Amino acid sequence: MTRFDVHDHRHALKQLRDTGATGLWENRKGVSCPVCDAPFDRLFTTRQTGTTFPESDGARFCLLRDDDAIHLFRH
């Protein structure tokens, strides 16, 4: 399983938001995505089981993590 530790890349990321349970980061140094190896623009992290993302471009997303998978729902 691929892991990503924000603290290992903290020098390259700017924290935009932190609620304690969720965080939003901007990639300032072209850190690669651990899934596809392409640089990402923003990183959202959560410790919550379910999370709703604020609307962006008219779409709202909900994320659910369970024992088997992570599910991303677009509304």
PDB file of N, CA and C in Angstrom:
ATOM      1  N   MET A   1       0.840  -1.179   0.000  1.00  0.00           N
ATOM      2  CA  MET A   1       0.000   0.000   0.000  1.00  0.00           C
ATOM      3  C   MET A   1       0.887   1.245   0.000  1.00  0.00           C
ATOM      4  N   THR A   2       0.593   2.165  -0.883  1.00  0.00           N
ATOM      5  CA  THR A   2       1.328   3.420  -0.966  1.00  0.00           C
ATOM      6  C   THR A   2       0.866   4.355   0.138  1.00  0.00           C
ATOM      7  N   ARG A   3       1.801   4.970   0.818  1.00  0.00           N
ATOM      8  CA  ARG A   3       1.488   5.928   1.878  1.00  0.00           C
ATOM      9  C   ARG A   3       2.048   7.287   1.486  1.00  0.00           C
ATOM     10  N   PHE A   4       1.453   8.329   2.041  1.00  0.00           N
ATOM     11  CA  PHE A   4       1.920   9.689   1.805  1.00  0.00           C
ATOM     12  C   PHE A   4       1.900  10.400   3.144  1.00  0.00           C
ATOM     13  N   ASP A   5       3.060  10.839   3.583  1.00  0.00           N
ATOM     14  CA  ASP A   5       3.179  11.548   4.847  1.00  0.00           C
ATOM     15  C   ASP A   5       3.405  13.027   4.555  1.00  0.00           C
ATOM     16  N   VAL A   6       2.422  13.854   4.886  1.00  0.00           N
ATOM     17  CA  VAL A   6       2.505  15.290   4.631  1.00  0.00           C
ATOM     18  C   VAL A   6       3.766  15.875   5.247  1.00  0.00           C
ATOM     19  N   HIS A   7       4.125  15.412   6.418  1.00  0.00           N
ATOM     20  CA  HIS A   7       5.284  15.976   7.117  1.00  0.00           C
ATOM     21  C   HIS A   7       6.598  15.721   6.379  1.00  0.00           C
ATOM     22  N   ASP A   8       6.665  14.650   5.604  1.00  0.00           N
ATOM     23  CA  ASP A   8       7.865  14.391   4.799  1.00  0.00           C
ATOM     24  C   ASP A   8       8.027  15.420   3.680  1.00  0.00           C
ATOM     25  N   HIS A   9       6.924  16.068   3.298  1.00  0.00           N
ATOM     26  CA  HIS A   9       6.928  17.016   2.182  1.00  0.00           C
ATOM     27  C   HIS A   9       6.571  18.430   2.632  1.00  0.00           C
ATOM     28  N   ARG A  10       6.580  18.671   3.920  1.00  0.00           N
ATOM     29  CA  ARG A  10       6.132  19.942   4.482  1.00  0.00           C
ATOM     30  C   ARG A  10       6.867  21.144   3.893  1.00  0.00           C
ATOM     31  N   HIS A  11       8.126  20.990   3.551  1.00  0.00           N
ATOM     32  CA  HIS A  11       8.907  22.085   2.976  1.00  0.00           C
ATOM     33  C   HIS A  11       8.381  22.528   1.612  1.00  0.00           C
ATOM     34  N   ALA A  12       7.647  21.664   0.918  1.00  0.00           N
ATOM     35  CA  ALA A  12       7.154  21.955  -0.430  1.00  0.00           C
ATOM     36  C   ALA A  12       5.667  22.302  -0.465  1.00  0.00           C
ATOM     37  N   LEU A  13       4.991  22.184   0.669  1.00  0.00           N
ATOM     38  CA  LEU A  13       3.553  22.402   0.725  1.00  0.00           C
ATOM     39  C   LEU A  13       3.223  23.612   1.583  1.00  0.00           C
ATOM     40  N   LYS A  14       2.222  24.376   1.155  1.00  0.00           N
ATOM     41  CA  LYS A  14       1.720  25.486   1.961  1.00  0.00           C
ATOM     42  C   LYS A  14       0.345  25.104   2.501  1.00  0.00           C
ATOM     43  N   GLN A  15       0.204  25.177   3.798  1.00  0.00           N
ATOM     44  CA  GLN A  15      -1.072  24.835   4.411  1.00  0.00           C
ATOM     45  C   GLN A  15      -2.056  25.985   4.205  1.00  0.00           C
ATOM     46  N   LEU A  16      -3.204  25.663   3.602  1.00  0.00           N
ATOM     47  CA  LEU A  16      -4.238  26.655   3.332  1.00  0.00           C
ATOM     48  C   LEU A  16      -5.350  26.622   4.375  1.00  0.00           C
ATOM     49  N   ARG A  17      -5.617  25.431   4.928  1.00  0.00           N
ATOM     50  CA  ARG A  17      -6.681  25.288   5.913  1.00  0.00           C
ATOM     51  C   ARG A  17      -6.384  24.090   6.813  1.00  0.00           C
ATOM     52  N   ASP A  18      -6.740  24.244   8.094  1.00  0.00           N
ATOM     53  CA  ASP A  18      -6.580  23.149   9.059  1.00  0.00           C
ATOM     54  C   ASP A  18      -7.704  23.240  10.073  1.00  0.00           C
ATOM     55  N   THR A  19      -8.542  22.204  10.127  1.00  0.00           N
ATOM     56  CA  THR A  19      -9.629  22.167  11.103  1.00  0.00           C
ATOM     57  C   THR A  19      -9.310  21.236  12.264  1.00  0.00           C
ATOM     58  N   GLY A  20      -8.172  20.611  12.223  1.00  0.00           N
ATOM     59  CA  GLY A  20      -7.832  19.604  13.216  1.00  0.00           C
ATOM     60  C   GLY A  20      -8.109  18.205  12.688  1.00  0.00           C
ATOM     61  N   ALA A  21      -9.243  18.036  11.991  1.00  0.00           N
ATOM     62  CA  ALA A  21      -9.592  16.743  11.399  1.00  0.00           C
ATOM     63  C   ALA A  21      -9.335  16.721   9.897  1.00  0.00           C
ATOM     64  N   THR A  22      -9.319  17.915   9.270  1.00  0.00           N
ATOM     65  CA  THR A  22      -9.055  18.001   7.840  1.00  0.00           C
ATOM     66  C   THR A  22      -8.014  19.081   7.573  1.00  0.00           C
ATOM     67  N   GLY A  23      -7.338  18.950   6.455  1.00  0.00           N
ATOM     68  CA  GLY A  23      -6.347  19.950   6.062  1.00  0.00           C
ATOM     69  C   GLY A  23      -6.331  20.122   4.556  1.00  0.00           C
ATOM     70  N   LEU A  24      -6.016  21.314   4.101  1.00  0.00           N
ATOM     71  CA  LEU A  24      -5.897  21.612   2.681  1.00  0.00           C
ATOM     72  C   LEU A  24      -4.521  22.224   2.457  1.00  0.00           C
ATOM     73  N   TRP A  25      -3.811  21.702   1.454  1.00  0.00           N
ATOM     74  CA  TRP A  25      -2.433  22.090   1.181  1.00  0.00           C
ATOM     75  C   TRP A  25      -2.268  22.459  -0.286  1.00  0.00           C
ATOM     76  N   GLU A  26      -1.420  23.444  -0.560  1.00  0.00           N
ATOM     77  CA  GLU A  26      -1.042  23.805  -1.918  1.00  0.00           C
ATOM     78  C   GLU A  26       0.360  23.280  -2.179  1.00  0.00           C
ATOM     79  N   ASN A  27       0.536  22.659  -3.324  1.00  0.00           N
ATOM     80  CA  ASN A  27       1.824  22.098  -3.718  1.00  0.00           C
ATOM     81  C   ASN A  27       2.642  23.205  -4.377  1.00  0.00           C
ATOM     82  N   ARG A  28       3.657  23.692  -3.706  1.00  0.00           N
ATOM     83  CA  ARG A  28       4.461  24.802  -4.215  1.00  0.00           C
ATOM     84  C   ARG A  28       5.736  24.348  -4.920  1.00  0.00           C
ATOM     85  N   LYS A  29       6.094  23.084  -4.812  1.00  0.00           N
ATOM     86  CA  LYS A  29       7.371  22.628  -5.375  1.00  0.00           C
ATOM     87  C   LYS A  29       7.237  21.437  -6.318  1.00  0.00           C
ATOM     88  N   GLY A  30       6.029  21.150  -6.786  1.00  0.00           N
ATOM     89  CA  GLY A  30       5.858  20.070  -7.760  1.00  0.00           C
ATOM     90  C   GLY A  30       6.020  18.676  -7.199  1.00  0.00           C
ATOM     91  N   VAL A  31       5.623  18.472  -5.952  1.00  0.00           N
ATOM     92  CA  VAL A  31       5.666  17.133  -5.366  1.00  0.00           C
ATOM     93  C   VAL A  31       4.779  16.204  -6.198  1.00  0.00           C
ATOM     94  N   SER A  32       5.229  15.001  -6.439  1.00  0.00           N
ATOM     95  CA  SER A  32       4.485  14.036  -7.250  1.00  0.00           C
ATOM     96  C   SER A  32       3.414  13.321  -6.437  1.00  0.00           C
ATOM     97  N   CYS A  33       2.315  13.030  -7.105  1.00  0.00           N
ATOM     98  CA  CYS A  33       1.239  12.231  -6.526  1.00  0.00           C
ATOM     99  C   CYS A  33       1.735  10.802  -6.325  1.00  0.00           C
ATOM    100  N   PRO A  34       1.490  10.197  -5.171  1.00  0.00           N
ATOM    101  CA  PRO A  34       1.956   8.837  -4.935  1.00  0.00           C
ATOM    102  C   PRO A  34       1.171   7.795  -5.727  1.00  0.00           C
ATOM    103  N   VAL A  35       0.062   8.190  -6.335  1.00  0.00           N
ATOM    104  CA  VAL A  35      -0.765   7.258  -7.109  1.00  0.00           C
ATOM    105  C   VAL A  35      -0.324   7.214  -8.570  1.00  0.00           C
ATOM    106  N   CYS A  36      -0.168   8.410  -9.197  1.00  0.00           N
ATOM    107  CA  CYS A  36       0.113   8.445 -10.641  1.00  0.00           C
ATOM    108  C   CYS A  36       1.472   9.047 -10.984  1.00  0.00           C
ATOM    109  N   ASP A  37       2.202   9.557 -10.015  1.00  0.00           N
ATOM    110  CA  ASP A  37       3.533  10.163 -10.186  1.00  0.00           C
ATOM    111  C   ASP A  37       3.527  11.535 -10.862  1.00  0.00           C
ATOM    112  N   ALA A  38       2.361  12.084 -11.194  1.00  0.00           N
ATOM    113  CA  ALA A  38       2.293  13.436 -11.766  1.00  0.00           C
ATOM    114  C   ALA A  38       2.200  14.446 -10.621  1.00  0.00           C
ATOM    115  N   PRO A  39       2.764  15.633 -10.789  1.00  0.00           N
ATOM    116  CA  PRO A  39       2.632  16.654  -9.748  1.00  0.00           C
ATOM    117  C   PRO A  39       1.156  17.010  -9.537  1.00  0.00           C
ATOM    118  N   PHE A  40       0.773  17.242  -8.304  1.00  0.00           N
ATOM    119  CA  PHE A  40      -0.597  17.641  -7.991  1.00  0.00           C
ATOM    120  C   PHE A  40      -0.610  19.110  -7.610  1.00  0.00           C
ATOM    121  N   ASP A  41      -1.791  19.734  -7.695  1.00  0.00           N
ATOM    122  CA  ASP A  41      -1.938  21.145  -7.340  1.00  0.00           C
ATOM    123  C   ASP A  41      -2.270  21.325  -5.866  1.00  0.00           C
ATOM    124  N   ARG A  42      -3.256  20.567  -5.394  1.00  0.00           N
ATOM    125  CA  ARG A  42      -3.716  20.682  -4.012  1.00  0.00           C
ATOM    126  C   ARG A  42      -3.883  19.300  -3.405  1.00  0.00           C
ATOM    127  N   LEU A  43      -3.767  19.252  -2.107  1.00  0.00           N
ATOM    128  CA  LEU A  43      -3.922  18.012  -1.356  1.00  0.00           C
ATOM    129  C   LEU A  43      -4.911  18.263  -0.230  1.00  0.00           C
ATOM    130  N   PHE A  44      -5.924  17.428  -0.139  1.00  0.00           N
ATOM    131  CA  PHE A  44      -6.886  17.463   0.953  1.00  0.00           C
ATOM    132  C   PHE A  44      -6.632  16.237   1.811  1.00  0.00           C
ATOM    133  N   THR A  45      -6.498  16.416   3.115  1.00  0.00           N
ATOM    134  CA  THR A  45      -6.309  15.294   4.024  1.00  0.00           C
ATOM    135  C   THR A  45      -7.437  15.284   5.047  1.00  0.00           C
ATOM    136  N   THR A  46      -7.815  14.086   5.477  1.00  0.00           N
ATOM    137  CA  THR A  46      -8.872  13.971   6.482  1.00  0.00           C
ATOM    138  C   THR A  46      -8.630  12.759   7.366  1.00  0.00           C
ATOM    139  N   ARG A  47      -9.031  12.882   8.604  1.00  0.00           N
ATOM    140  CA  ARG A  47      -9.031  11.761   9.540  1.00  0.00           C
ATOM    141  C   ARG A  47     -10.463  11.302   9.797  1.00  0.00           C
ATOM    142  N   GLN A  48     -11.413  12.029   9.215  1.00  0.00           N
ATOM    143  CA  GLN A  48     -12.826  11.715   9.399  1.00  0.00           C
ATOM    144  C   GLN A  48     -13.225  10.546   8.498  1.00  0.00           C
ATOM    145  N   THR A  49     -14.254   9.813   8.894  1.00  0.00           N
ATOM    146  CA  THR A  49     -14.772   8.730   8.069  1.00  0.00           C
ATOM    147  C   THR A  49     -15.528   9.290   6.873  1.00  0.00           C
ATOM    148  N   GLY A  50     -16.286  10.357   7.088  1.00  0.00           N
ATOM    149  CA  GLY A  50     -17.032  10.999   6.006  1.00  0.00           C
ATOM    150  C   GLY A  50     -16.736  12.481   5.983  1.00  0.00           C
ATOM    151  N   THR A  51     -16.583  13.044   4.782  1.00  0.00           N
ATOM    152  CA  THR A  51     -16.233  14.450   4.616  1.00  0.00           C
ATOM    153  C   THR A  51     -16.997  15.016   3.423  1.00  0.00           C
ATOM    154  N   THR A  52     -17.484  16.250   3.549  1.00  0.00           N
ATOM    155  CA  THR A  52     -18.086  16.971   2.433  1.00  0.00           C
ATOM    156  C   THR A  52     -17.149  18.100   2.043  1.00  0.00           C
ATOM    157  N   PHE A  53     -16.824  18.179   0.748  1.00  0.00           N
ATOM    158  CA  PHE A  53     -15.968  19.235   0.227  1.00  0.00           C
ATOM    159  C   PHE A  53     -16.841  20.433  -0.112  1.00  0.00           C
ATOM    160  N   PRO A  54     -16.365  21.642   0.123  1.00  0.00           N
ATOM    161  CA  PRO A  54     -17.122  22.821  -0.291  1.00  0.00           C
ATOM    162  C   PRO A  54     -17.302  22.833  -1.809  1.00  0.00           C
ATOM    163  N   GLU A  55     -18.355  23.515  -2.257  1.00  0.00           N
ATOM    164  CA  GLU A  55     -18.597  23.603  -3.698  1.00  0.00           C
ATOM    165  C   GLU A  55     -17.424  24.252  -4.407  1.00  0.00           C
ATOM    166  N   SER A  56     -17.093  23.702  -5.559  1.00  0.00           N
ATOM    167  CA  SER A  56     -16.040  24.224  -6.402  1.00  0.00           C
ATOM    168  C   SER A  56     -16.502  24.035  -7.841  1.00  0.00           C
ATOM    169  N   ASP A  57     -16.522  25.092  -8.598  1.00  0.00           N
ATOM    170  CA  ASP A  57     -17.005  25.029  -9.982  1.00  0.00           C
ATOM    171  C   ASP A  57     -18.429  24.484 -10.044  1.00  0.00           C
ATOM    172  N   GLY A  58     -19.241  24.792  -9.036  1.00  0.00           N
ATOM    173  CA  GLY A  58     -20.631  24.370  -9.027  1.00  0.00           C
ATOM    174  C   GLY A  58     -20.858  22.936  -8.594  1.00  0.00           C
ATOM    175  N   ALA A  59     -19.805  22.204  -8.273  1.00  0.00           N
ATOM    176  CA  ALA A  59     -19.963  20.806  -7.859  1.00  0.00           C
ATOM    177  C   ALA A  59     -19.601  20.662  -6.389  1.00  0.00           C
ATOM    178  N   ARG A  60     -20.271  19.743  -5.730  1.00  0.00           N
ATOM    179  CA  ARG A  60     -19.953  19.414  -4.344  1.00  0.00           C
ATOM    180  C   ARG A  60     -19.557  17.942  -4.316  1.00  0.00           C
ATOM    181  N   PHE A  61     -18.544  17.623  -3.529  1.00  0.00           N
ATOM    182  CA  PHE A  61     -18.062  16.257  -3.421  1.00  0.00           C
ATOM    183  C   PHE A  61     -18.184  15.779  -1.979  1.00  0.00           C
ATOM    184  N   CYS A  62     -18.524  14.512  -1.826  1.00  0.00           N
ATOM    185  CA  CYS A  62     -18.508  13.866  -0.515  1.00  0.00           C
ATOM    186  C   CYS A  62     -17.590  12.656  -0.606  1.00  0.00           C
ATOM    187  N   LEU A  63     -16.848  12.426   0.449  1.00  0.00           N
ATOM    188  CA  LEU A  63     -15.905  11.324   0.504  1.00  0.00           C
ATOM    189  C   LEU A  63     -16.274  10.435   1.679  1.00  0.00           C
ATOM    190  N   LEU A  64     -16.325   9.132   1.443  1.00  0.00           N
ATOM    191  CA  LEU A  64     -16.608   8.164   2.508  1.00  0.00           C
ATOM    192  C   LEU A  64     -15.522   7.103   2.495  1.00  0.00           C
ATOM    193  N   ARG A  65     -14.907   6.902   3.637  1.00  0.00           N
ATOM    194  CA  ARG A  65     -13.896   5.857   3.791  1.00  0.00           C
ATOM    195  C   ARG A  65     -14.493   4.763   4.661  1.00  0.00           C
ATOM    196  N   ASP A  66     -14.478   3.532   4.159  1.00  0.00           N
ATOM    197  CA  ASP A  66     -14.904   2.408   4.983  1.00  0.00           C
ATOM    198  C   ASP A  66     -13.779   1.382   5.012  1.00  0.00           C
ATOM    199  N   ASP A  67     -14.047   0.207   5.530  1.00  0.00           N
ATOM    200  CA  ASP A  67     -12.996  -0.804   5.663  1.00  0.00           C
ATOM    201  C   ASP A  67     -12.471  -1.309   4.321  1.00  0.00           C
ATOM    202  N   ASP A  68     -13.310  -1.220   3.269  1.00  0.00           N
ATOM    203  CA  ASP A  68     -12.939  -1.792   1.987  1.00  0.00           C
ATOM    204  C   ASP A  68     -12.447  -0.800   0.950  1.00  0.00           C
ATOM    205  N   ALA A  69     -12.877   0.470   1.046  1.00  0.00           N
ATOM    206  CA  ALA A  69     -12.569   1.409  -0.023  1.00  0.00           C
ATOM    207  C   ALA A  69     -12.799   2.845   0.412  1.00  0.00           C
ATOM    208  N   ILE A  70     -12.379   3.760  -0.436  1.00  0.00           N
ATOM    209  CA  ILE A  70     -12.705   5.173  -0.315  1.00  0.00           C
ATOM    210  C   ILE A  70     -13.656   5.489  -1.463  1.00  0.00           C
ATOM    211  N   HIS A  71     -14.780   6.108  -1.129  1.00  0.00           N
ATOM    212  CA  HIS A  71     -15.812   6.405  -2.132  1.00  0.00           C
ATOM    213  C   HIS A  71     -15.918   7.918  -2.278  1.00  0.00           C
ATOM    214  N   LEU A  72     -15.849   8.426  -3.504  1.00  0.00           N
ATOM    215  CA  LEU A  72     -15.966   9.852  -3.792  1.00  0.00           C
ATOM    216  C   LEU A  72     -17.259  10.067  -4.564  1.00  0.00           C
ATOM    217  N   PHE A  73     -18.148  10.878  -4.003  1.00  0.00           N
ATOM    218  CA  PHE A  73     -19.446  11.144  -4.606  1.00  0.00           C
ATOM    219  C   PHE A  73     -19.484  12.586  -5.093  1.00  0.00           C
ATOM    220  N   ARG A  74     -19.900  12.789  -6.350  1.00  0.00           N
ATOM    221  CA  ARG A  74     -20.038  14.140  -6.898  1.00  0.00           C
ATOM    222  C   ARG A  74     -21.516  14.476  -6.976  1.00  0.00           C
ATOM    223  N   HIS A  75     -21.880  15.649  -6.459  1.00  0.00           N
ATOM    224  CA  HIS A  75     -23.285  16.076  -6.474  1.00  0.00           C
ATOM    225  C   HIS A  75     -23.453  17.235  -7.428  1.00  0.00           C
TER     226      HIS A  75
END
